[in-house]
Amino acid sequence: TEPLRRTLTEEGWLDFSRINAEPPAKHLRIT
């Protein structure tokens, strides 16, 4: 899954500063 790591990082899928904001705009849970 190395291509997925690259895609999520480079193609604008994720914004970790927003995900981990205090408080976050949306509460996220991952299993």
PDB file of all heavy atoms in Angstrom:
ATOM      1  N   THR A   1       0.799  -1.234   0.000  1.00  0.00           N
ATOM      2  CA  THR A   1       0.000   0.000   0.000  1.00  0.00           C
ATOM      3  C   THR A   1       0.829   1.281   0.000  1.00  0.00           C
ATOM      4  O   THR A   1       0.313   2.346   0.310  1.00  0.00           O
ATOM      5  CB  THR A   1      -0.937   0.018   1.225  1.00  0.00           C
ATOM      6  OG1 THR A   1      -0.163  -0.202   2.413  1.00  0.00           O
ATOM      7  CG2 THR A   1      -2.006  -1.055   1.111  1.00  0.00           C
ATOM      8  N   GLU A   2       2.079   1.183  -0.372  1.00  0.00           N
ATOM      9  CA  GLU A   2       2.888   2.398  -0.439  1.00  0.00           C
ATOM     10  C   GLU A   2       2.283   3.441  -1.396  1.00  0.00           C
ATOM     11  O   GLU A   2       2.322   4.646  -1.104  1.00  0.00           O
ATOM     12  CB  GLU A   2       4.315   2.059  -0.869  1.00  0.00           C
ATOM     13  CG  GLU A   2       5.285   3.230  -0.757  1.00  0.00           C
ATOM     14  CD  GLU A   2       5.381   3.798   0.647  1.00  0.00           C
ATOM     15  OE1 GLU A   2       5.261   3.033   1.610  1.00  0.00           O
ATOM     16  OE2 GLU A   2       5.577   5.021   0.772  1.00  0.00           O
ATOM     17  N   PRO A   3       1.686   3.025  -2.540  1.00  0.00           N
ATOM     18  CA  PRO A   3       1.030   4.034  -3.388  1.00  0.00           C
ATOM     19  C   PRO A   3      -0.094   4.776  -2.676  1.00  0.00           C
ATOM     20  O   PRO A   3      -0.293   5.979  -2.911  1.00  0.00           O
ATOM     21  CB  PRO A   3       0.499   3.207  -4.563  1.00  0.00           C
ATOM     22  CG  PRO A   3       1.412   2.036  -4.638  1.00  0.00           C
ATOM     23  CD  PRO A   3       1.737   1.703  -3.206  1.00  0.00           C
ATOM     24  N   LEU A   4      -0.849   4.111  -1.810  1.00  0.00           N
ATOM     25  CA  LEU A   4      -1.925   4.782  -1.076  1.00  0.00           C
ATOM     26  C   LEU A   4      -1.353   5.823  -0.130  1.00  0.00           C
ATOM     27  O   LEU A   4      -1.891   6.930  -0.010  1.00  0.00           O
ATOM     28  CB  LEU A   4      -2.757   3.761  -0.292  1.00  0.00           C
ATOM     29  CG  LEU A   4      -3.892   4.344   0.565  1.00  0.00           C
ATOM     30  CD1 LEU A   4      -4.895   5.106  -0.291  1.00  0.00           C
ATOM     31  CD2 LEU A   4      -4.581   3.243   1.356  1.00  0.00           C
ATOM     32  N   ARG A   5      -0.258   5.495   0.511  1.00  0.00           N
ATOM     33  CA  ARG A   5       0.401   6.466   1.394  1.00  0.00           C
ATOM     34  C   ARG A   5       0.767   7.724   0.602  1.00  0.00           C
ATOM     35  O   ARG A   5       0.530   8.849   1.065  1.00  0.00           O
ATOM     36  CB  ARG A   5       1.654   5.832   2.010  1.00  0.00           C
ATOM     37  CG  ARG A   5       2.451   6.771   2.914  1.00  0.00           C
ATOM     38  CD  ARG A   5       3.720   6.080   3.413  1.00  0.00           C
ATOM     39  NE  ARG A   5       3.410   4.955   4.287  1.00  0.00           N
ATOM     40  CZ  ARG A   5       3.206   5.054   5.597  1.00  0.00           C
ATOM     41  NH1 ARG A   5       3.270   6.244   6.177  1.00  0.00           N
ATOM     42  NH2 ARG A   5       2.946   3.987   6.299  1.00  0.00           N
ATOM     43  N   ARG A   6       1.320   7.523  -0.576  1.00  0.00           N
ATOM     44  CA  ARG A   6       1.720   8.658  -1.404  1.00  0.00           C
ATOM     45  C   ARG A   6       0.496   9.443  -1.888  1.00  0.00           C
ATOM     46  O   ARG A   6       0.490  10.675  -1.872  1.00  0.00           O
ATOM     47  CB  ARG A   6       2.543   8.149  -2.589  1.00  0.00           C
ATOM     48  CG  ARG A   6       3.115   9.256  -3.467  1.00  0.00           C
ATOM     49  CD  ARG A   6       4.094   8.705  -4.483  1.00  0.00           C
ATOM     50  NE  ARG A   6       3.482   7.684  -5.339  1.00  0.00           N
ATOM     51  CZ  ARG A   6       3.767   6.388  -5.261  1.00  0.00           C
ATOM     52  NH1 ARG A   6       4.645   5.945  -4.378  1.00  0.00           N
ATOM     53  NH2 ARG A   6       3.182   5.530  -6.083  1.00  0.00           N
ATOM     54  N   THR A   7      -0.550   8.738  -2.299  1.00  0.00           N
ATOM     55  CA  THR A   7      -1.758   9.404  -2.799  1.00  0.00           C
ATOM     56  C   THR A   7      -2.410  10.262  -1.727  1.00  0.00           C
ATOM     57  O   THR A   7      -2.766  11.426  -1.965  1.00  0.00           O
ATOM     58  CB  THR A   7      -2.762   8.355  -3.316  1.00  0.00           C
ATOM     59  OG1 THR A   7      -2.184   7.683  -4.442  1.00  0.00           O
ATOM     60  CG2 THR A   7      -4.065   9.012  -3.736  1.00  0.00           C
ATOM     61  N   LEU A   8      -2.586   9.710  -0.538  1.00  0.00           N
ATOM     62  CA  LEU A   8      -3.246  10.453   0.536  1.00  0.00           C
ATOM     63  C   LEU A   8      -2.426  11.674   0.956  1.00  0.00           C
ATOM     64  O   LEU A   8      -2.988  12.696   1.357  1.00  0.00           O
ATOM     65  CB  LEU A   8      -3.485   9.539   1.742  1.00  0.00           C
ATOM     66  CG  LEU A   8      -4.447   8.364   1.517  1.00  0.00           C
ATOM     67  CD1 LEU A   8      -4.578   7.543   2.792  1.00  0.00           C
ATOM     68  CD2 LEU A   8      -5.814   8.855   1.064  1.00  0.00           C
ATOM     69  N   THR A   9      -1.104  11.534   0.842  1.00  0.00           N
ATOM     70  CA  THR A   9      -0.223  12.627   1.249  1.00  0.00           C
ATOM     71  C   THR A   9      -0.153  13.729   0.200  1.00  0.00           C
ATOM     72  O   THR A   9      -0.173  14.923   0.536  1.00  0.00           O
ATOM     73  CB  THR A   9       1.204  12.085   1.503  1.00  0.00           C
ATOM     74  OG1 THR A   9       1.164  11.083   2.515  1.00  0.00           O
ATOM     75  CG2 THR A   9       2.141  13.210   1.934  1.00  0.00           C
ATOM     76  N   GLU A  10      -0.099  13.334  -1.083  1.00  0.00           N
ATOM     77  CA  GLU A  10       0.197  14.308  -2.137  1.00  0.00           C
ATOM     78  C   GLU A  10      -1.015  14.819  -2.893  1.00  0.00           C
ATOM     79  O   GLU A  10      -0.925  15.847  -3.578  1.00  0.00           O
ATOM     80  CB  GLU A  10       1.185  13.686  -3.135  1.00  0.00           C
ATOM     81  CG  GLU A  10       2.517  13.302  -2.508  1.00  0.00           C
ATOM     82  CD  GLU A  10       3.458  12.614  -3.483  1.00  0.00           C
ATOM     83  OE1 GLU A  10       3.065  12.440  -4.664  1.00  0.00           O
ATOM     84  OE2 GLU A  10       4.579  12.244  -3.064  1.00  0.00           O
ATOM     85  N   GLU A  11      -2.144  14.130  -2.820  1.00  0.00           N
ATOM     86  CA  GLU A  11      -3.291  14.498  -3.646  1.00  0.00           C
ATOM     87  C   GLU A  11      -4.376  15.280  -2.906  1.00  0.00           C
ATOM     88  O   GLU A  11      -5.477  15.460  -3.427  1.00  0.00           O
ATOM     89  CB  GLU A  11      -3.904  13.233  -4.265  1.00  0.00           C
ATOM     90  CG  GLU A  11      -2.960  12.463  -5.177  1.00  0.00           C
ATOM     91  CD  GLU A  11      -2.518  13.292  -6.371  1.00  0.00           C
ATOM     92  OE1 GLU A  11      -3.346  14.079  -6.896  1.00  0.00           O
ATOM     93  OE2 GLU A  11      -1.342  13.168  -6.781  1.00  0.00           O
ATOM     94  N   GLY A  12      -4.102  15.718  -1.699  1.00  0.00           N
ATOM     95  CA  GLY A  12      -5.038  16.604  -1.005  1.00  0.00           C
ATOM     96  C   GLY A  12      -6.193  15.918  -0.298  1.00  0.00           C
ATOM     97  O   GLY A  12      -7.207  16.555   0.003  1.00  0.00           O
ATOM     98  N   TRP A  13      -6.049  14.645   0.015  1.00  0.00           N
ATOM     99  CA  TRP A  13      -7.122  13.929   0.693  1.00  0.00           C
ATOM    100  C   TRP A  13      -7.255  14.354   2.158  1.00  0.00           C
ATOM    101  O   TRP A  13      -8.363  14.452   2.682  1.00  0.00           O
ATOM    102  CB  TRP A  13      -6.880  12.419   0.635  1.00  0.00           C
ATOM    103  CG  TRP A  13      -7.162  11.785  -0.684  1.00  0.00           C
ATOM    104  CD1 TRP A  13      -6.420  11.893  -1.839  1.00  0.00           C
ATOM    105  CD2 TRP A  13      -8.273  10.938  -1.008  1.00  0.00           C
ATOM    106  NE1 TRP A  13      -6.993  11.168  -2.853  1.00  0.00           N
ATOM    107  CE2 TRP A  13      -8.127  10.560  -2.373  1.00  0.00           C
ATOM    108  CE3 TRP A  13      -9.356  10.441  -0.282  1.00  0.00           C
ATOM    109  CZ2 TRP A  13      -9.038   9.729  -3.016  1.00  0.00           C
ATOM    110  CZ3 TRP A  13     -10.265   9.602  -0.919  1.00  0.00           C
ATOM    111  CH2 TRP A  13     -10.112   9.258  -2.265  1.00  0.00           C
ATOM    112  N   LEU A  14      -6.121  14.598   2.817  1.00  0.00           N
ATOM    113  CA  LEU A  14      -6.129  14.744   4.271  1.00  0.00           C
ATOM    114  C   LEU A  14      -5.469  16.039   4.732  1.00  0.00           C
ATOM    115  O   LEU A  14      -4.506  16.515   4.133  1.00  0.00           O
ATOM    116  CB  LEU A  14      -5.404  13.551   4.910  1.00  0.00           C
ATOM    117  CG  LEU A  14      -5.919  12.161   4.510  1.00  0.00           C
ATOM    118  CD1 LEU A  14      -5.024  11.081   5.104  1.00  0.00           C
ATOM    119  CD2 LEU A  14      -7.363  11.966   4.935  1.00  0.00           C
ATOM    120  N   ASP A  15      -6.023  16.591   5.811  1.00  0.00           N
ATOM    121  CA  ASP A  15      -5.465  17.787   6.454  1.00  0.00           C
ATOM    122  C   ASP A  15      -5.378  17.479   7.950  1.00  0.00           C
ATOM    123  O   ASP A  15      -6.351  17.620   8.687  1.00  0.00           O
ATOM    124  CB  ASP A  15      -6.372  18.991   6.199  1.00  0.00           C
ATOM    125  CG  ASP A  15      -5.828  20.277   6.803  1.00  0.00           C
ATOM    126  OD1 ASP A  15      -4.921  20.212   7.650  1.00  0.00           O
ATOM    127  OD2 ASP A  15      -6.346  21.365   6.449  1.00  0.00           O
ATOM    128  N   PHE A  16      -4.193  17.035   8.387  1.00  0.00           N
ATOM    129  CA  PHE A  16      -4.068  16.584   9.772  1.00  0.00           C
ATOM    130  C   PHE A  16      -4.115  17.739  10.771  1.00  0.00           C
ATOM    131  O   PHE A  16      -4.484  17.538  11.935  1.00  0.00           O
ATOM    132  CB  PHE A  16      -2.795  15.765   9.948  1.00  0.00           C
ATOM    133  CG  PHE A  16      -2.887  14.410   9.289  1.00  0.00           C
ATOM    134  CD1 PHE A  16      -2.222  14.155   8.101  1.00  0.00           C
ATOM    135  CD2 PHE A  16      -3.673  13.413   9.844  1.00  0.00           C
ATOM    136  CE1 PHE A  16      -2.329  12.921   7.488  1.00  0.00           C
ATOM    137  CE2 PHE A  16      -3.784  12.175   9.236  1.00  0.00           C
ATOM    138  CZ  PHE A  16      -3.114  11.922   8.057  1.00  0.00           C
ATOM    139  N   SER A  17      -3.772  18.938  10.345  1.00  0.00           N
ATOM    140  CA  SER A  17      -3.906  20.078  11.256  1.00  0.00           C
ATOM    141  C   SER A  17      -5.371  20.329  11.577  1.00  0.00           C
ATOM    142  O   SER A  17      -5.727  20.709  12.702  1.00  0.00           O
ATOM    143  CB  SER A  17      -3.274  21.334  10.643  1.00  0.00           C
ATOM    144  OG  SER A  17      -3.969  21.724   9.461  1.00  0.00           O
ATOM    145  N   ARG A  18      -6.230  20.082  10.610  1.00  0.00           N
ATOM    146  CA  ARG A  18      -7.671  20.240  10.840  1.00  0.00           C
ATOM    147  C   ARG A  18      -8.237  19.050  11.609  1.00  0.00           C
ATOM    148  O   ARG A  18      -9.057  19.223  12.514  1.00  0.00           O
ATOM    149  CB  ARG A  18      -8.383  20.391   9.500  1.00  0.00           C
ATOM    150  CG  ARG A  18      -9.864  20.683   9.638  1.00  0.00           C
ATOM    151  CD  ARG A  18     -10.414  21.329   8.386  1.00  0.00           C
ATOM    152  NE  ARG A  18     -11.815  21.699   8.544  1.00  0.00           N
ATOM    153  CZ  ARG A  18     -12.462  22.525   7.751  1.00  0.00           C
ATOM    154  NH1 ARG A  18     -11.808  23.089   6.742  1.00  0.00           N
ATOM    155  NH2 ARG A  18     -13.723  22.812   7.945  1.00  0.00           N
ATOM    156  N   ILE A  19      -7.796  17.842  11.261  1.00  0.00           N
ATOM    157  CA  ILE A  19      -8.274  16.659  11.971  1.00  0.00           C
ATOM    158  C   ILE A  19      -7.951  16.753  13.457  1.00  0.00           C
ATOM    159  O   ILE A  19      -8.790  16.425  14.312  1.00  0.00           O
ATOM    160  CB  ILE A  19      -7.635  15.383  11.382  1.00  0.00           C
ATOM    161  CG1 ILE A  19      -8.212  15.093   9.984  1.00  0.00           C
ATOM    162  CG2 ILE A  19      -7.845  14.178  12.298  1.00  0.00           C
ATOM    163  CD1 ILE A  19      -7.533  13.940   9.267  1.00  0.00           C
ATOM    164  N   ASN A  20      -6.741  17.223  13.783  1.00  0.00           N
ATOM    165  CA  ASN A  20      -6.269  17.235  15.168  1.00  0.00           C
ATOM    166  C   ASN A  20      -6.405  18.591  15.847  1.00  0.00           C
ATOM    167  O   ASN A  20      -5.780  18.830  16.885  1.00  0.00           O
ATOM    168  CB  ASN A  20      -4.815  16.758  15.215  1.00  0.00           C
ATOM    169  CG  ASN A  20      -4.665  15.313  14.775  1.00  0.00           C
ATOM    170  OD1 ASN A  20      -5.297  14.420  15.325  1.00  0.00           O
ATOM    171  ND2 ASN A  20      -3.828  15.071  13.762  1.00  0.00           N
ATOM    172  N   ALA A  21      -7.231  19.465  15.294  1.00  0.00           N
ATOM    173  CA  ALA A  21      -7.448  20.773  15.920  1.00  0.00           C
ATOM    174  C   ALA A  21      -8.093  20.591  17.290  1.00  0.00           C
ATOM    175  O   ALA A  21      -8.735  19.586  17.578  1.00  0.00           O
ATOM    176  CB  ALA A  21      -8.334  21.638  15.026  1.00  0.00           C
ATOM    177  N   GLU A  22      -7.915  21.591  18.150  1.00  0.00           N
ATOM    178  CA  GLU A  22      -8.518  21.572  19.487  1.00  0.00           C
ATOM    179  C   GLU A  22      -9.461  22.751  19.648  1.00  0.00           C
ATOM    180  O   GLU A  22      -9.018  23.870  19.788  1.00  0.00           O
ATOM    181  CB  GLU A  22      -7.416  21.638  20.550  1.00  0.00           C
ATOM    182  CG  GLU A  22      -6.536  20.407  20.621  1.00  0.00           C
ATOM    183  CD  GLU A  22      -7.242  19.200  21.246  1.00  0.00           C
ATOM    184  OE1 GLU A  22      -8.354  19.377  21.780  1.00  0.00           O
ATOM    185  OE2 GLU A  22      -6.675  18.111  21.196  1.00  0.00           O
ATOM    186  N   PRO A  23     -10.780  22.522  19.631  1.00  0.00           N
ATOM    187  CA  PRO A  23     -11.434  21.230  19.379  1.00  0.00           C
ATOM    188  C   PRO A  23     -11.563  21.002  17.882  1.00  0.00           C
ATOM    189  O   PRO A  23     -11.544  21.941  17.094  1.00  0.00           O
ATOM    190  CB  PRO A  23     -12.808  21.428  20.026  1.00  0.00           C
ATOM    191  CG  PRO A  23     -13.089  22.884  19.840  1.00  0.00           C
ATOM    192  CD  PRO A  23     -11.757  23.587  19.970  1.00  0.00           C
ATOM    193  N   PRO A  24     -11.723  19.763  17.457  1.00  0.00           N
ATOM    194  CA  PRO A  24     -11.868  19.489  16.025  1.00  0.00           C
ATOM    195  C   PRO A  24     -13.251  19.881  15.531  1.00  0.00           C
ATOM    196  O   PRO A  24     -14.223  19.866  16.296  1.00  0.00           O
ATOM    197  CB  PRO A  24     -11.666  17.971  15.947  1.00  0.00           C
ATOM    198  CG  PRO A  24     -12.124  17.475  17.281  1.00  0.00           C
ATOM    199  CD  PRO A  24     -11.733  18.539  18.264  1.00  0.00           C
ATOM    200  N   ALA A  25     -13.337  20.240  14.269  1.00  0.00           N
ATOM    201  CA  ALA A  25     -14.640  20.564  13.681  1.00  0.00           C
ATOM    202  C   ALA A  25     -15.518  19.319  13.605  1.00  0.00           C
ATOM    203  O   ALA A  25     -16.744  19.401  13.711  1.00  0.00           O
ATOM    204  CB  ALA A  25     -14.454  21.172  12.289  1.00  0.00           C
ATOM    205  N   LYS A  26     -14.877  18.159  13.406  1.00  0.00           N
ATOM    206  CA  LYS A  26     -15.603  16.889  13.378  1.00  0.00           C
ATOM    207  C   LYS A  26     -14.872  15.881  14.249  1.00  0.00           C
ATOM    208  O   LYS A  26     -13.648  15.784  14.219  1.00  0.00           O
ATOM    209  CB  LYS A  26     -15.714  16.345  11.954  1.00  0.00           C
ATOM    210  CG  LYS A  26     -16.336  17.327  10.978  1.00  0.00           C
ATOM    211  CD  LYS A  26     -17.308  16.672  10.066  1.00  0.00           C
ATOM    212  CE  LYS A  26     -17.910  17.698   9.091  1.00  0.00           C
ATOM    213  NZ  LYS A  26     -19.153  18.229   9.587  1.00  0.00           N
ATOM    214  N   HIS A  27     -15.639  15.142  15.018  1.00  0.00           N
ATOM    215  CA  HIS A  27     -15.063  14.106  15.875  1.00  0.00           C
ATOM    216  C   HIS A  27     -14.848  12.850  15.037  1.00  0.00           C
ATOM    217  O   HIS A  27     -15.797  12.295  14.487  1.00  0.00           O
ATOM    218  CB  HIS A  27     -15.995  13.830  17.052  1.00  0.00           C
ATOM    219  CG  HIS A  27     -16.309  15.050  17.870  1.00  0.00           C
ATOM    220  ND1 HIS A  27     -15.409  15.596  18.760  1.00  0.00           N
ATOM    221  CD2 HIS A  27     -17.413  15.837  17.898  1.00  0.00           C
ATOM    222  CE1 HIS A  27     -15.950  16.681  19.314  1.00  0.00           C
ATOM    223  NE2 HIS A  27     -17.162  16.841  18.801  1.00  0.00           N
ATOM    224  N   LEU A  28     -13.599  12.426  14.935  1.00  0.00           N
ATOM    225  CA  LEU A  28     -13.232  11.290  14.087  1.00  0.00           C
ATOM    226  C   LEU A  28     -12.867  10.095  14.948  1.00  0.00           C
ATOM    227  O   LEU A  28     -12.150  10.231  15.952  1.00  0.00           O
ATOM    228  CB  LEU A  28     -12.045  11.672  13.199  1.00  0.00           C
ATOM    229  CG  LEU A  28     -11.475  10.589  12.285  1.00  0.00           C
ATOM    230  CD1 LEU A  28     -12.507  10.152  11.247  1.00  0.00           C
ATOM    231  CD2 LEU A  28     -10.195  11.078  11.610  1.00  0.00           C
ATOM    232  N   ARG A  29     -13.362   8.922  14.547  1.00  0.00           N
ATOM    233  CA  ARG A  29     -13.006   7.669  15.204  1.00  0.00           C
ATOM    234  C   ARG A  29     -12.573   6.669  14.138  1.00  0.00           C
ATOM    235  O   ARG A  29     -13.253   6.502  13.130  1.00  0.00           O
ATOM    236  CB  ARG A  29     -14.193   7.088  15.983  1.00  0.00           C
ATOM    237  CG  ARG A  29     -14.736   8.016  17.080  1.00  0.00           C
ATOM    238  CD  ARG A  29     -13.752   8.178  18.219  1.00  0.00           C
ATOM    239  NE  ARG A  29     -14.296   8.990  19.307  1.00  0.00           N
ATOM    240  CZ  ARG A  29     -14.132  10.305  19.433  1.00  0.00           C
ATOM    241  NH1 ARG A  29     -13.453  10.975  18.488  1.00  0.00           N
ATOM    242  NH2 ARG A  29     -14.633  10.945  20.465  1.00  0.00           N
ATOM    243  N   ILE A  30     -11.433   6.013  14.370  1.00  0.00           N
ATOM    244  CA  ILE A  30     -10.875   5.040  13.433  1.00  0.00           C
ATOM    245  C   ILE A  30     -10.626   3.742  14.193  1.00  0.00           C
ATOM    246  O   ILE A  30     -10.063   3.758  15.290  1.00  0.00           O
ATOM    247  CB  ILE A  30      -9.560   5.564  12.824  1.00  0.00           C
ATOM    248  CG1 ILE A  30      -9.845   6.762  11.905  1.00  0.00           C
ATOM    249  CG2 ILE A  30      -8.828   4.474  12.059  1.00  0.00           C
ATOM    250  CD1 ILE A  30      -8.588   7.460  11.433  1.00  0.00           C
ATOM    251  N   THR A  31     -11.027   2.607  13.606  1.00  0.00           N
ATOM    252  CA  THR A  31     -10.830   1.334  14.282  1.00  0.00           C
ATOM    253  C   THR A  31      -9.702   0.540  13.637  1.00  0.00           C
ATOM    254  O   THR A  31      -9.536   0.536  12.418  1.00  0.00           O
ATOM    255  CB  THR A  31     -12.113   0.483  14.265  1.00  0.00           C
ATOM    256  OG1 THR A  31     -12.430   0.113  12.921  1.00  0.00           O
ATOM    257  CG2 THR A  31     -13.280   1.249  14.872  1.00  0.00           C
TER     258      THR A  31
END
